[in-house]
Amino acid sequence: DVPLEPVSVSELIKQQQEILTRNGENQRKRAQAVQ
């Protein structure tokens, strides 16, 4: 049940940071709507 090649932790962290960045943008837009 594991992939054929080893996973890259740095790539996983990069993907996490991209999601957090998009989530932060969403939060900014929500704050703008409240304002």
All heavy atoms as atom14 arrays in JSON, in Angstrom:
{
  "sequence": "DVPLEPVSVSELIKQQQEILTRNGENQRKRAQAVQ",
  "atom14_mask": [
    [1, 1, 1, 1, 1, 1, 1, 1, 0, 0, 0, 0, 0, 0],
    [1, 1, 1, 1, 1, 1, 1, 0, 0, 0, 0, 0, 0, 0],
    [1, 1, 1, 1, 1, 1, 1, 0, 0, 0, 0, 0, 0, 0],
    [1, 1, 1, 1, 1, 1, 1, 1, 0, 0, 0, 0, 0, 0],
    [1, 1, 1, 1, 1, 1, 1, 1, 1, 0, 0, 0, 0, 0],
    [1, 1, 1, 1, 1, 1, 1, 0, 0, 0, 0, 0, 0, 0],
    [1, 1, 1, 1, 1, 1, 1, 0, 0, 0, 0, 0, 0, 0],
    [1, 1, 1, 1, 1, 1, 0, 0, 0, 0, 0, 0, 0, 0],
    [1, 1, 1, 1, 1, 1, 1, 0, 0, 0, 0, 0, 0, 0],
    [1, 1, 1, 1, 1, 1, 0, 0, 0, 0, 0, 0, 0, 0],
    [1, 1, 1, 1, 1, 1, 1, 1, 1, 0, 0, 0, 0, 0],
    [1, 1, 1, 1, 1, 1, 1, 1, 0, 0, 0, 0, 0, 0],
    [1, 1, 1, 1, 1, 1, 1, 1, 0, 0, 0, 0, 0, 0],
    [1, 1, 1, 1, 1, 1, 1, 1, 1, 0, 0, 0, 0, 0],
    [1, 1, 1, 1, 1, 1, 1, 1, 1, 0, 0, 0, 0, 0],
    [1, 1, 1, 1, 1, 1, 1, 1, 1, 0, 0, 0, 0, 0],
    [1, 1, 1, 1, 1, 1, 1, 1, 1, 0, 0, 0, 0, 0],
    [1, 1, 1, 1, 1, 1, 1, 1, 1, 0, 0, 0, 0, 0],
    [1, 1, 1, 1, 1, 1, 1, 1, 0, 0, 0, 0, 0, 0],
    [1, 1, 1, 1, 1, 1, 1, 1, 0, 0, 0, 0, 0, 0],
    [1, 1, 1, 1, 1, 1, 1, 0, 0, 0, 0, 0, 0, 0],
    [1, 1, 1, 1, 1, 1, 1, 1, 1, 1, 1, 0, 0, 0],
    [1, 1, 1, 1, 1, 1, 1, 1, 0, 0, 0, 0, 0, 0],
    [1, 1, 1, 1, 0, 0, 0, 0, 0, 0, 0, 0, 0, 0],
    [1, 1, 1, 1, 1, 1, 1, 1, 1, 0, 0, 0, 0, 0],
    [1, 1, 1, 1, 1, 1, 1, 1, 0, 0, 0, 0, 0, 0],
    [1, 1, 1, 1, 1, 1, 1, 1, 1, 0, 0, 0, 0, 0],
    [1, 1, 1, 1, 1, 1, 1, 1, 1, 1, 1, 0, 0, 0],
    [1, 1, 1, 1, 1, 1, 1, 1, 1, 0, 0, 0, 0, 0],
    [1, 1, 1, 1, 1, 1, 1, 1, 1, 1, 1, 0, 0, 0],
    [1, 1, 1, 1, 1, 0, 0, 0, 0, 0, 0, 0, 0, 0],
    [1, 1, 1, 1, 1, 1, 1, 1, 1, 0, 0, 0, 0, 0],
    [1, 1, 1, 1, 1, 0, 0, 0, 0, 0, 0, 0, 0, 0],
    [1, 1, 1, 1, 1, 1, 1, 0, 0, 0, 0, 0, 0, 0],
    [1, 1, 1, 1, 1, 1, 1, 1, 1, 0, 0, 0, 0, 0]
  ],
  "atom14_positions": [
    [[0.81, -1.23, 0.0], [0.0, 0.0, 0.0], [0.83, 1.27, 0.0], [0.36, 2.34, 0.42], [-0.93, 0.0, 1.23], [-1.88, -1.18, 1.22], [-2.28, -1.58, 0.11], [-2.2, -1.69, 2.3], [0.0, 0.0, 0.0], [0.0, 0.0, 0.0], [0.0, 0.0, 0.0], [0.0, 0.0, 0.0], [0.0, 0.0, 0.0], [0.0, 0.0, 0.0]],
    [[2.06, 1.21, -0.43], [2.9, 2.41, -0.47], [3.21, 2.72, -1.93], [3.11, 1.85, -2.79], [4.21, 2.22, 0.33], [3.91, 1.91, 1.79], [5.05, 1.1, -0.27], [0.0, 0.0, 0.0], [0.0, 0.0, 0.0], [0.0, 0.0, 0.0], [0.0, 0.0, 0.0], [0.0, 0.0, 0.0], [0.0, 0.0, 0.0], [0.0, 0.0, 0.0]],
    [[3.58, 3.99, -2.24], [3.89, 4.35, -3.62], [5.16, 3.65, -4.1], [5.91, 3.08, -3.3], [4.09, 5.87, -3.56], [4.39, 6.17, -2.14], [3.63, 5.18, -1.33], [0.0, 0.0, 0.0], [0.0, 0.0, 0.0], [0.0, 0.0, 0.0], [0.0, 0.0, 0.0], [0.0, 0.0, 0.0], [0.0, 0.0, 0.0], [0.0, 0.0, 0.0]],
    [[5.39, 3.72, -5.42], [6.55, 3.06, -6.02], [7.85, 3.78, -5.71], [8.92, 3.16, -5.68], [6.37, 2.93, -7.54], [5.19, 2.08, -7.99], [5.08, 2.1, -9.51], [5.34, 0.64, -7.5], [0.0, 0.0, 0.0], [0.0, 0.0, 0.0], [0.0, 0.0, 0.0], [0.0, 0.0, 0.0], [0.0, 0.0, 0.0], [0.0, 0.0, 0.0]],
    [[7.78, 5.12, -5.54], [8.98, 5.92, -5.28], [8.86, 6.58, -3.91], [7.76, 6.85, -3.43], [9.14, 7.0, -6.36], [9.32, 6.47, -7.76], [10.65, 5.77, -7.93], [11.56, 6.07, -7.13], [10.76, 4.92, -8.83], [0.0, 0.0, 0.0], [0.0, 0.0, 0.0], [0.0, 0.0, 0.0], [0.0, 0.0, 0.0], [0.0, 0.0, 0.0]],
    [[9.96, 6.9, -3.22], [9.92, 7.59, -1.93], [9.26, 8.96, -2.07], [9.4, 9.64, -3.08], [11.4, 7.72, -1.54], [12.1, 6.65, -2.3], [11.34, 6.51, -3.59], [0.0, 0.0, 0.0], [0.0, 0.0, 0.0], [0.0, 0.0, 0.0], [0.0, 0.0, 0.0], [0.0, 0.0, 0.0], [0.0, 0.0, 0.0], [0.0, 0.0, 0.0]],
    [[8.5, 9.33, -1.0], [7.84, 10.65, -1.03], [8.83, 11.72, -0.58], [9.73, 11.47, 0.21], [6.59, 10.66, -0.11], [5.56, 9.67, -0.59], [6.98, 10.34, 1.33], [0.0, 0.0, 0.0], [0.0, 0.0, 0.0], [0.0, 0.0, 0.0], [0.0, 0.0, 0.0], [0.0, 0.0, 0.0], [0.0, 0.0, 0.0], [0.0, 0.0, 0.0]],
    [[8.6, 12.97, -1.1], [9.47, 14.1, -0.76], [8.79, 14.94, 0.3], [7.72, 15.51, 0.08], [9.75, 14.95, -2.01], [10.39, 16.14, -1.66], [0.0, 0.0, 0.0], [0.0, 0.0, 0.0], [0.0, 0.0, 0.0], [0.0, 0.0, 0.0], [0.0, 0.0, 0.0], [0.0, 0.0, 0.0], [0.0, 0.0, 0.0], [0.0, 0.0, 0.0]],
    [[9.42, 15.01, 1.48], [8.85, 15.8, 2.58], [8.81, 17.28, 2.2], [7.84, 18.0, 2.47], [9.67, 15.6, 3.87], [9.18, 16.52, 4.97], [9.6, 14.15, 4.3], [0.0, 0.0, 0.0], [0.0, 0.0, 0.0], [0.0, 0.0, 0.0], [0.0, 0.0, 0.0], [0.0, 0.0, 0.0], [0.0, 0.0, 0.0], [0.0, 0.0, 0.0]],
    [[9.86, 17.76, 1.53], [9.89, 19.18, 1.14], [8.77, 19.51, 0.17], [8.15, 20.58, 0.23], [11.25, 19.53, 0.52], [11.46, 18.74, -0.63], [0.0, 0.0, 0.0], [0.0, 0.0, 0.0], [0.0, 0.0, 0.0], [0.0, 0.0, 0.0], [0.0, 0.0, 0.0], [0.0, 0.0, 0.0], [0.0, 0.0, 0.0], [0.0, 0.0, 0.0]],
    [[8.46, 18.53, -0.73], [7.37, 18.75, -1.68], [6.03, 18.79, -0.95], [5.15, 19.61, -1.27], [7.36, 17.63, -2.73], [6.29, 17.74, -3.8], [6.44, 19.01, -4.65], [7.58, 19.5, -4.8], [5.41, 19.5, -5.15], [0.0, 0.0, 0.0], [0.0, 0.0, 0.0], [0.0, 0.0, 0.0], [0.0, 0.0, 0.0], [0.0, 0.0, 0.0]],
    [[5.88, 17.9, 0.06], [4.65, 17.92, 0.85], [4.49, 19.24, 1.6], [3.39, 19.81, 1.68], [4.65, 16.74, 1.83], [4.55, 15.34, 1.22], [4.72, 14.29, 2.3], [3.21, 15.17, 0.51], [0.0, 0.0, 0.0], [0.0, 0.0, 0.0], [0.0, 0.0, 0.0], [0.0, 0.0, 0.0], [0.0, 0.0, 0.0], [0.0, 0.0, 0.0]],
    [[5.59, 19.74, 2.18], [5.54, 21.03, 2.91], [5.21, 22.16, 1.95], [4.43, 23.07, 2.27], [6.89, 21.27, 3.62], [7.08, 20.24, 4.75], [6.97, 22.7, 4.16], [8.42, 20.31, 5.43], [0.0, 0.0, 0.0], [0.0, 0.0, 0.0], [0.0, 0.0, 0.0], [0.0, 0.0, 0.0], [0.0, 0.0, 0.0], [0.0, 0.0, 0.0]],
    [[5.79, 22.1, 0.74], [5.49, 23.12, -0.26], [4.0, 23.14, -0.6], [3.37, 24.21, -0.68], [6.32, 22.88, -1.52], [6.07, 23.88, -2.63], [6.91, 23.55, -3.85], [6.62, 24.53, -4.99], [7.38, 24.17, -6.2], [0.0, 0.0, 0.0], [0.0, 0.0, 0.0], [0.0, 0.0, 0.0], [0.0, 0.0, 0.0], [0.0, 0.0, 0.0]],
    [[3.44, 21.91, -0.81], [2.0, 21.82, -1.1], [1.19, 22.37, 0.06], [0.18, 23.06, -0.13], [1.61, 20.37, -1.38], [2.22, 19.8, -2.65], [1.84, 18.35, -2.85], [0.81, 17.9, -2.36], [2.7, 17.61, -3.56], [0.0, 0.0, 0.0], [0.0, 0.0, 0.0], [0.0, 0.0, 0.0], [0.0, 0.0, 0.0], [0.0, 0.0, 0.0]],
    [[1.64, 22.08, 1.32], [0.94, 22.6, 2.51], [0.96, 24.12, 2.54], [-0.05, 24.78, 2.83], [1.58, 22.01, 3.76], [0.89, 22.45, 5.06], [1.67, 22.04, 6.28], [2.89, 22.1, 6.25], [0.96, 21.63, 7.32], [0.0, 0.0, 0.0], [0.0, 0.0, 0.0], [0.0, 0.0, 0.0], [0.0, 0.0, 0.0], [0.0, 0.0, 0.0]],
    [[2.13, 24.7, 2.22], [2.26, 26.16, 2.24], [1.37, 26.8, 1.19], [0.77, 27.86, 1.42], [3.73, 26.56, 2.0], [4.67, 26.2, 3.14], [4.31, 26.94, 4.43], [3.83, 28.08, 4.42], [4.49, 26.27, 5.57], [0.0, 0.0, 0.0], [0.0, 0.0, 0.0], [0.0, 0.0, 0.0], [0.0, 0.0, 0.0], [0.0, 0.0, 0.0]],
    [[1.27, 26.17, 0.03], [0.4, 26.72, -1.02], [-1.05, 26.72, -0.58], [-1.8, 27.68, -0.83], [0.57, 25.89, -2.29], [1.92, 26.07, -2.97], [2.11, 25.13, -4.15], [1.24, 24.25, -4.33], [3.12, 25.27, -4.87], [0.0, 0.0, 0.0], [0.0, 0.0, 0.0], [0.0, 0.0, 0.0], [0.0, 0.0, 0.0], [0.0, 0.0, 0.0]],
    [[-1.47, 25.63, 0.11], [-2.85, 25.58, 0.61], [-3.08, 26.65, 1.67], [-4.11, 27.36, 1.67], [-3.16, 24.18, 1.17], [-3.22, 23.16, 0.03], [-4.48, 24.16, 1.96], [-3.38, 21.74, 0.49], [0.0, 0.0, 0.0], [0.0, 0.0, 0.0], [0.0, 0.0, 0.0], [0.0, 0.0, 0.0], [0.0, 0.0, 0.0], [0.0, 0.0, 0.0]],
    [[-2.11, 26.79, 2.6], [-2.24, 27.83, 3.64], [-2.31, 29.23, 3.03], [-3.04, 30.1, 3.52], [-1.07, 27.72, 4.61], [-1.06, 26.45, 5.49], [0.22, 26.39, 6.32], [-2.29, 26.43, 6.41], [0.0, 0.0, 0.0], [0.0, 0.0, 0.0], [0.0, 0.0, 0.0], [0.0, 0.0, 0.0], [0.0, 0.0, 0.0], [0.0, 0.0, 0.0]],
    [[-1.52, 29.44, 1.94], [-1.55, 30.75, 1.28], [-2.93, 31.02, 0.68], [-3.48, 32.13, 0.81], [-0.48, 30.81, 0.18], [0.81, 30.64, 0.79], [-0.51, 32.14, -0.54], [0.0, 0.0, 0.0], [0.0, 0.0, 0.0], [0.0, 0.0, 0.0], [0.0, 0.0, 0.0], [0.0, 0.0, 0.0], [0.0, 0.0, 0.0], [0.0, 0.0, 0.0]],
    [[-3.48, 29.97, 0.02], [-4.82, 30.14, -0.56], [-5.86, 30.34, 0.52], [-6.78, 31.17, 0.37], [-5.16, 28.91, -1.41], [-4.34, 28.81, -2.71], [-4.97, 27.8, -3.68], [-4.97, 26.44, -3.17], [-3.96, 25.59, -3.33], [-2.85, 25.97, -3.98], [-4.03, 24.35, -2.84], [0.0, 0.0, 0.0], [0.0, 0.0, 0.0], [0.0, 0.0, 0.0]],
    [[-5.73, 29.63, 1.63], [-6.67, 29.8, 2.75], [-6.57, 31.21, 3.34], [-7.57, 31.81, 3.75], [-6.42, 28.75, 3.82], [-6.85, 27.36, 3.38], [-7.53, 27.23, 2.36], [-6.48, 26.33, 4.14], [0.0, 0.0, 0.0], [0.0, 0.0, 0.0], [0.0, 0.0, 0.0], [0.0, 0.0, 0.0], [0.0, 0.0, 0.0], [0.0, 0.0, 0.0]],
    [[-5.33, 31.74, 3.42], [-5.14, 33.11, 3.94], [-5.81, 34.14, 3.03], [-6.39, 35.12, 3.51], [0.0, 0.0, 0.0], [0.0, 0.0, 0.0], [0.0, 0.0, 0.0], [0.0, 0.0, 0.0], [0.0, 0.0, 0.0], [0.0, 0.0, 0.0], [0.0, 0.0, 0.0], [0.0, 0.0, 0.0], [0.0, 0.0, 0.0], [0.0, 0.0, 0.0]],
    [[-5.71, 33.9, 1.71], [-6.37, 34.8, 0.76], [-7.88, 34.75, 0.95], [-8.57, 35.78, 0.89], [-5.98, 34.4, -0.66], [-6.6, 35.25, -1.76], [-6.15, 36.71, -1.72], [-5.1, 37.0, -1.07], [-6.83, 37.55, -2.31], [0.0, 0.0, 0.0], [0.0, 0.0, 0.0], [0.0, 0.0, 0.0], [0.0, 0.0, 0.0], [0.0, 0.0, 0.0]],
    [[-8.4, 33.54, 1.2], [-9.84, 33.41, 1.46], [-10.24, 34.19, 2.71], [-11.29, 34.87, 2.75], [-10.21, 31.94, 1.63], [-10.09, 31.16, 0.33], [-9.99, 31.76, -0.74], [-10.11, 29.83, 0.41], [0.0, 0.0, 0.0], [0.0, 0.0, 0.0], [0.0, 0.0, 0.0], [0.0, 0.0, 0.0], [0.0, 0.0, 0.0], [0.0, 0.0, 0.0]],
    [[-9.4, 34.09, 3.73], [-9.69, 34.8, 4.98], [-9.69, 36.31, 4.77], [-10.52, 37.03, 5.35], [-8.66, 34.39, 6.05], [-8.96, 34.92, 7.45], [-10.3, 34.43, 7.98], [-10.72, 33.32, 7.69], [-11.0, 35.29, 8.71], [0.0, 0.0, 0.0], [0.0, 0.0, 0.0], [0.0, 0.0, 0.0], [0.0, 0.0, 0.0], [0.0, 0.0, 0.0]],
    [[-8.7, 36.75, 3.93], [-8.67, 38.2, 3.65], [-9.95, 38.65, 2.97], [-10.52, 39.72, 3.27], [-7.46, 38.5, 2.77], [-7.23, 40.0, 2.52], [-6.18, 40.19, 1.46], [-6.62, 39.68, 0.16], [-7.5, 40.34, -0.61], [-8.05, 41.48, -0.23], [-7.88, 39.81, -1.77], [0.0, 0.0, 0.0], [0.0, 0.0, 0.0], [0.0, 0.0, 0.0]],
    [[-10.44, 37.83, 2.04], [-11.65, 38.19, 1.32], [-12.87, 38.19, 2.24], [-13.78, 39.02, 2.1], [-11.87, 37.21, 0.16], [-10.84, 37.39, -0.95], [-11.06, 36.39, -2.06], [-10.02, 36.57, -3.18], [-10.2, 35.6, -4.26], [0.0, 0.0, 0.0], [0.0, 0.0, 0.0], [0.0, 0.0, 0.0], [0.0, 0.0, 0.0], [0.0, 0.0, 0.0]],
    [[-12.89, 37.22, 3.19], [-13.99, 37.22, 4.17], [-13.97, 38.48, 5.02], [-15.02, 39.09, 5.32], [-13.88, 35.97, 5.05], [-14.13, 34.65, 4.32], [-14.24, 33.51, 5.32], [-14.26, 32.21, 4.64], [-13.2, 31.45, 4.44], [-12.01, 31.89, 4.88], [-13.3, 30.31, 3.8], [0.0, 0.0, 0.0], [0.0, 0.0, 0.0], [0.0, 0.0, 0.0]],
    [[-12.75, 38.87, 5.44], [-12.63, 40.09, 6.28], [-13.08, 41.32, 5.49], [-13.72, 42.24, 6.03], [-11.18, 40.24, 6.74], [0.0, 0.0, 0.0], [0.0, 0.0, 0.0], [0.0, 0.0, 0.0], [0.0, 0.0, 0.0], [0.0, 0.0, 0.0], [0.0, 0.0, 0.0], [0.0, 0.0, 0.0], [0.0, 0.0, 0.0], [0.0, 0.0, 0.0]],
    [[-12.76, 41.34, 4.22], [-13.17, 42.45, 3.36], [-14.69, 42.53, 3.26], [-15.29, 43.61, 3.29], [-12.55, 42.29, 1.97], [-12.88, 43.45, 1.01], [-12.32, 43.19, -0.37], [-12.18, 42.04, -0.77], [-12.01, 44.27, -1.08], [0.0, 0.0, 0.0], [0.0, 0.0, 0.0], [0.0, 0.0, 0.0], [0.0, 0.0, 0.0], [0.0, 0.0, 0.0]],
    [[-15.33, 41.32, 3.17], [-16.8, 41.29, 3.09], [-17.42, 41.84, 4.37], [-18.42, 42.58, 4.34], [-17.27, 39.86, 2.84], [0.0, 0.0, 0.0], [0.0, 0.0, 0.0], [0.0, 0.0, 0.0], [0.0, 0.0, 0.0], [0.0, 0.0, 0.0], [0.0, 0.0, 0.0], [0.0, 0.0, 0.0], [0.0, 0.0, 0.0], [0.0, 0.0, 0.0]],
    [[-16.82, 41.43, 5.52], [-17.33, 41.94, 6.81], [-17.18, 43.45, 6.88], [-18.08, 44.2, 7.36], [-16.57, 41.25, 7.96], [-16.9, 41.92, 9.29], [-16.92, 39.77, 8.0], [0.0, 0.0, 0.0], [0.0, 0.0, 0.0], [0.0, 0.0, 0.0], [0.0, 0.0, 0.0], [0.0, 0.0, 0.0], [0.0, 0.0, 0.0], [0.0, 0.0, 0.0]],
    [[-16.01, 43.92, 6.43], [-15.75, 45.37, 6.46], [-16.76, 46.13, 5.59], [-17.27, 47.19, 5.97], [-14.32, 45.64, 5.99], [-13.91, 47.1, 6.08], [-12.47, 47.32, 5.63], [-11.84, 46.39, 5.16], [-11.98, 48.52, 5.77], [0.0, 0.0, 0.0], [0.0, 0.0, 0.0], [0.0, 0.0, 0.0], [0.0, 0.0, 0.0], [0.0, 0.0, 0.0]]
  ]
}
